[in-house]
């Protein structure tokens, strides 16, 4: 199984790329998603806890797969993960 997810949201800056696999090294810049304002929901911070990518890679590897991130600052990011087929 292979899953590929891409966006064109500007990529991950070079300084942050060095730490994306470290637990608790959040890459969010504390920005606010303005779309929530239209829904009259309190603004939600885009900053995370730094657990998503490291945990996802641990799970993928545990089950015999892998997870990789290809990113270019100013362009976008592609996340690809693979898992072996079930017998």
N, C-alpha and C. Protein backbone atom coordinates (compact mmCIF):
# COMPACT_ATOMS: atom_id res chain seq x y z
N UNK A 1 0.85 -1.17 0.00
CA UNK A 1 0.00 0.00 0.00
C UNK A 1 0.89 1.23 0.00
N UNK A 2 0.57 2.16 -0.86
CA UNK A 2 1.31 3.43 -0.89
C UNK A 2 0.29 4.56 -0.89
N UNK A 3 0.50 5.54 -0.01
CA UNK A 3 -0.36 6.71 0.07
C UNK A 3 0.53 7.94 -0.08
N UNK A 4 0.12 8.83 -0.98
CA UNK A 4 0.87 10.07 -1.22
C UNK A 4 -0.08 11.24 -1.05
N UNK A 5 0.32 12.21 -0.23
CA UNK A 5 -0.49 13.40 0.01
C UNK A 5 0.40 14.61 -0.27
N UNK A 6 -0.08 15.52 -1.12
CA UNK A 6 0.71 16.70 -1.48
C UNK A 6 -0.10 17.96 -1.24
N UNK A 7 0.62 19.04 -0.97
CA UNK A 7 -0.02 20.35 -0.90
C UNK A 7 0.88 21.38 -1.55
N UNK A 8 0.37 22.54 -1.73
CA UNK A 8 1.13 23.66 -2.27
C UNK A 8 1.06 24.84 -1.30
N UNK A 9 1.20 24.51 -0.02
CA UNK A 9 1.03 25.50 1.04
C UNK A 9 2.32 26.22 1.42
N UNK A 10 3.34 26.13 0.63
CA UNK A 10 4.55 26.89 0.91
C UNK A 10 5.72 26.07 1.43
N UNK A 11 5.51 24.79 1.70
CA UNK A 11 6.62 23.94 2.13
C UNK A 11 7.06 24.20 3.56
N UNK A 12 8.07 23.47 3.95
CA UNK A 12 8.65 23.58 5.30
C UNK A 12 10.00 24.25 5.17
N UNK A 13 10.22 25.28 5.97
CA UNK A 13 11.49 26.02 5.85
C UNK A 13 12.68 25.14 6.23
N UNK A 14 13.83 25.48 5.70
CA UNK A 14 15.05 24.67 5.84
C UNK A 14 15.41 24.43 7.31
N UNK A 15 15.25 25.42 8.15
CA UNK A 15 15.61 25.27 9.57
C UNK A 15 14.71 24.23 10.25
N UNK A 16 13.44 24.25 9.92
CA UNK A 16 12.49 23.33 10.53
C UNK A 16 12.66 21.92 9.99
N UNK A 17 13.06 21.78 8.73
CA UNK A 17 13.22 20.46 8.11
C UNK A 17 14.18 19.58 8.90
N UNK A 18 15.17 20.18 9.52
CA UNK A 18 16.16 19.41 10.28
C UNK A 18 15.55 18.71 11.49
N UNK A 19 14.36 19.17 11.92
CA UNK A 19 13.79 18.68 13.18
C UNK A 19 12.45 17.97 13.02
N UNK A 20 12.00 17.72 11.78
CA UNK A 20 10.65 17.18 11.63
C UNK A 20 10.49 15.77 12.20
N UNK A 21 11.58 15.04 12.39
CA UNK A 21 11.48 13.68 12.94
C UNK A 21 11.73 13.66 14.44
N UNK A 22 11.96 14.80 15.05
CA UNK A 22 12.20 14.87 16.49
C UNK A 22 10.87 15.10 17.22
N UNK A 23 10.63 14.31 18.25
CA UNK A 23 9.42 14.49 19.04
C UNK A 23 9.42 15.84 19.72
N UNK A 24 8.27 16.46 19.78
CA UNK A 24 8.02 17.74 20.45
C UNK A 24 8.75 18.92 19.81
N UNK A 25 9.09 18.79 18.55
CA UNK A 25 9.68 19.90 17.79
C UNK A 25 8.63 20.38 16.79
N UNK A 26 7.66 21.12 17.27
CA UNK A 26 6.54 21.57 16.44
C UNK A 26 7.02 22.51 15.35
N UNK A 27 6.47 22.33 14.15
CA UNK A 27 6.86 23.17 13.03
C UNK A 27 5.93 24.35 12.83
N UNK A 28 4.78 24.35 13.49
CA UNK A 28 3.83 25.46 13.34
C UNK A 28 4.44 26.77 13.80
N UNK A 29 3.99 27.82 13.18
CA UNK A 29 4.52 29.14 13.50
C UNK A 29 3.57 29.92 14.40
N UNK A 30 2.56 29.23 14.95
CA UNK A 30 1.59 29.91 15.79
C UNK A 30 0.61 30.75 15.00
N UNK A 31 0.47 30.47 13.70
CA UNK A 31 -0.46 31.21 12.87
C UNK A 31 -1.88 30.82 13.25
N UNK A 32 -2.83 31.60 12.80
CA UNK A 32 -4.23 31.30 13.04
C UNK A 32 -4.91 31.06 11.72
N UNK A 33 -5.75 30.06 11.68
CA UNK A 33 -6.50 29.75 10.47
C UNK A 33 -7.72 30.67 10.42
N UNK A 34 -7.71 31.63 9.53
CA UNK A 34 -8.77 32.62 9.45
C UNK A 34 -10.11 32.04 8.99
N UNK A 35 -10.09 30.86 8.38
CA UNK A 35 -11.34 30.26 7.93
C UNK A 35 -12.27 29.98 9.09
N UNK A 36 -11.72 29.73 10.27
CA UNK A 36 -12.56 29.44 11.43
C UNK A 36 -13.33 30.66 11.86
N UNK A 37 -12.81 31.85 11.60
CA UNK A 37 -13.52 33.08 11.98
C UNK A 37 -14.86 33.16 11.27
N UNK A 38 -14.94 32.70 10.03
CA UNK A 38 -16.17 32.74 9.27
C UNK A 38 -17.23 31.83 9.87
N UNK A 39 -16.81 30.81 10.59
CA UNK A 39 -17.74 29.85 11.20
C UNK A 39 -18.11 30.23 12.62
N UNK A 40 -17.64 31.38 13.07
CA UNK A 40 -17.88 31.85 14.44
C UNK A 40 -17.41 30.84 15.48
N UNK A 41 -16.29 30.22 15.17
CA UNK A 41 -15.63 29.29 16.09
C UNK A 41 -14.36 29.98 16.56
N UNK A 42 -14.01 29.87 17.83
CA UNK A 42 -12.76 30.50 18.28
C UNK A 42 -11.59 30.09 17.39
N UNK A 43 -10.72 31.04 17.09
CA UNK A 43 -9.58 30.76 16.21
C UNK A 43 -8.74 29.62 16.74
N UNK A 44 -8.31 28.79 15.83
CA UNK A 44 -7.48 27.65 16.18
C UNK A 44 -6.06 27.90 15.72
N UNK A 45 -5.12 27.66 16.58
CA UNK A 45 -3.72 27.82 16.22
C UNK A 45 -3.29 26.70 15.30
N UNK A 46 -2.45 27.01 14.31
CA UNK A 46 -1.92 25.99 13.42
C UNK A 46 -0.67 25.34 14.00
N UNK A 47 -0.21 25.82 15.13
CA UNK A 47 0.96 25.22 15.77
C UNK A 47 0.55 23.88 16.37
N UNK A 48 1.41 22.89 16.21
CA UNK A 48 1.11 21.57 16.75
C UNK A 48 1.95 21.27 17.97
N UNK A 49 1.97 20.00 18.33
CA UNK A 49 2.75 19.55 19.48
C UNK A 49 4.02 18.83 19.09
N UNK A 50 4.24 18.65 17.80
CA UNK A 50 5.46 17.98 17.36
C UNK A 50 5.40 16.46 17.52
N UNK A 51 4.22 15.90 17.42
CA UNK A 51 4.07 14.46 17.58
C UNK A 51 3.65 13.76 16.29
N UNK A 52 2.95 14.44 15.40
CA UNK A 52 2.34 13.82 14.23
C UNK A 52 3.29 13.06 13.33
N UNK A 53 4.25 13.74 12.74
CA UNK A 53 5.17 13.06 11.81
C UNK A 53 6.05 12.02 12.50
N UNK A 54 6.64 12.32 13.65
CA UNK A 54 7.46 11.28 14.29
C UNK A 54 6.66 10.03 14.65
N UNK A 55 5.45 10.20 15.19
CA UNK A 55 4.63 9.04 15.54
C UNK A 55 4.18 8.27 14.30
N UNK A 56 3.80 8.99 13.26
CA UNK A 56 3.37 8.32 12.03
C UNK A 56 4.50 7.47 11.46
N UNK A 57 5.72 7.99 11.50
CA UNK A 57 6.85 7.22 10.97
C UNK A 57 7.14 5.99 11.84
N UNK A 58 7.03 6.14 13.15
CA UNK A 58 7.23 5.00 14.05
C UNK A 58 6.22 3.90 13.74
N UNK A 59 4.95 4.28 13.58
CA UNK A 59 3.92 3.28 13.27
C UNK A 59 4.18 2.61 11.92
N UNK A 60 4.51 3.41 10.92
CA UNK A 60 4.78 2.83 9.59
C UNK A 60 5.93 1.83 9.66
N UNK A 61 7.00 2.19 10.33
CA UNK A 61 8.15 1.29 10.43
C UNK A 61 7.84 0.06 11.26
N UNK A 62 7.04 0.22 12.30
CA UNK A 62 6.65 -0.92 13.13
C UNK A 62 5.94 -1.98 12.30
N UNK A 63 5.12 -1.53 11.36
CA UNK A 63 4.36 -2.45 10.52
C UNK A 63 5.08 -2.79 9.22
N UNK A 64 6.38 -2.47 9.12
CA UNK A 64 7.17 -2.87 7.98
C UNK A 64 7.17 -1.90 6.81
N UNK A 65 6.68 -0.71 7.02
CA UNK A 65 6.65 0.30 5.96
C UNK A 65 7.59 1.45 6.27
N UNK A 66 7.31 2.58 5.69
CA UNK A 66 8.13 3.77 5.94
C UNK A 66 7.32 5.02 5.61
N UNK A 67 7.80 6.16 6.04
CA UNK A 67 7.18 7.45 5.78
C UNK A 67 8.28 8.42 5.41
N UNK A 68 8.06 9.19 4.35
CA UNK A 68 9.04 10.18 3.95
C UNK A 68 8.33 11.49 3.64
N UNK A 69 9.07 12.57 3.80
CA UNK A 69 8.56 13.91 3.52
C UNK A 69 9.49 14.56 2.51
N UNK A 70 8.92 15.00 1.42
CA UNK A 70 9.66 15.75 0.41
C UNK A 70 9.07 17.16 0.41
N UNK A 71 9.88 18.14 0.67
CA UNK A 71 9.37 19.50 0.79
C UNK A 71 10.33 20.49 0.16
N UNK A 72 9.77 21.55 -0.34
CA UNK A 72 10.57 22.63 -0.89
C UNK A 72 9.94 23.94 -0.42
N UNK A 73 10.72 24.68 0.33
CA UNK A 73 10.23 25.94 0.86
C UNK A 73 9.74 26.84 -0.27
N UNK A 74 8.55 27.37 -0.11
CA UNK A 74 7.98 28.24 -1.12
C UNK A 74 7.17 27.51 -2.17
N UNK A 75 7.21 26.18 -2.17
CA UNK A 75 6.51 25.40 -3.18
C UNK A 75 5.44 24.50 -2.59
N UNK A 76 5.81 23.63 -1.68
CA UNK A 76 4.85 22.71 -1.09
C UNK A 76 5.51 21.49 -0.50
N UNK A 77 4.70 20.56 -0.03
CA UNK A 77 5.19 19.37 0.65
C UNK A 77 4.44 18.13 0.15
N UNK A 78 5.17 17.04 0.03
CA UNK A 78 4.58 15.74 -0.28
C UNK A 78 4.97 14.78 0.83
N UNK A 79 3.97 14.12 1.39
CA UNK A 79 4.19 13.10 2.40
C UNK A 79 3.79 11.77 1.77
N UNK A 80 4.68 10.79 1.85
CA UNK A 80 4.45 9.48 1.25
C UNK A 80 4.69 8.41 2.31
N UNK A 81 3.71 7.52 2.47
CA UNK A 81 3.96 6.40 3.36
C UNK A 81 3.58 5.10 2.68
N UNK A 82 4.30 4.07 3.07
CA UNK A 82 4.08 2.75 2.51
C UNK A 82 3.89 1.75 3.65
N UNK A 83 3.07 0.76 3.37
CA UNK A 83 2.87 -0.36 4.28
C UNK A 83 2.83 -1.63 3.44
N UNK A 84 3.38 -2.73 3.96
CA UNK A 84 3.38 -3.97 3.17
C UNK A 84 1.95 -4.51 3.02
N UNK A 85 1.75 -5.26 1.98
CA UNK A 85 0.46 -5.91 1.75
C UNK A 85 0.25 -7.03 2.76
N UNK A 86 -1.00 -7.24 3.11
CA UNK A 86 -1.31 -8.35 4.00
C UNK A 86 -1.28 -9.65 3.19
N UNK A 87 -0.81 -10.74 3.79
CA UNK A 87 -0.75 -12.02 3.06
C UNK A 87 -2.12 -12.56 2.74
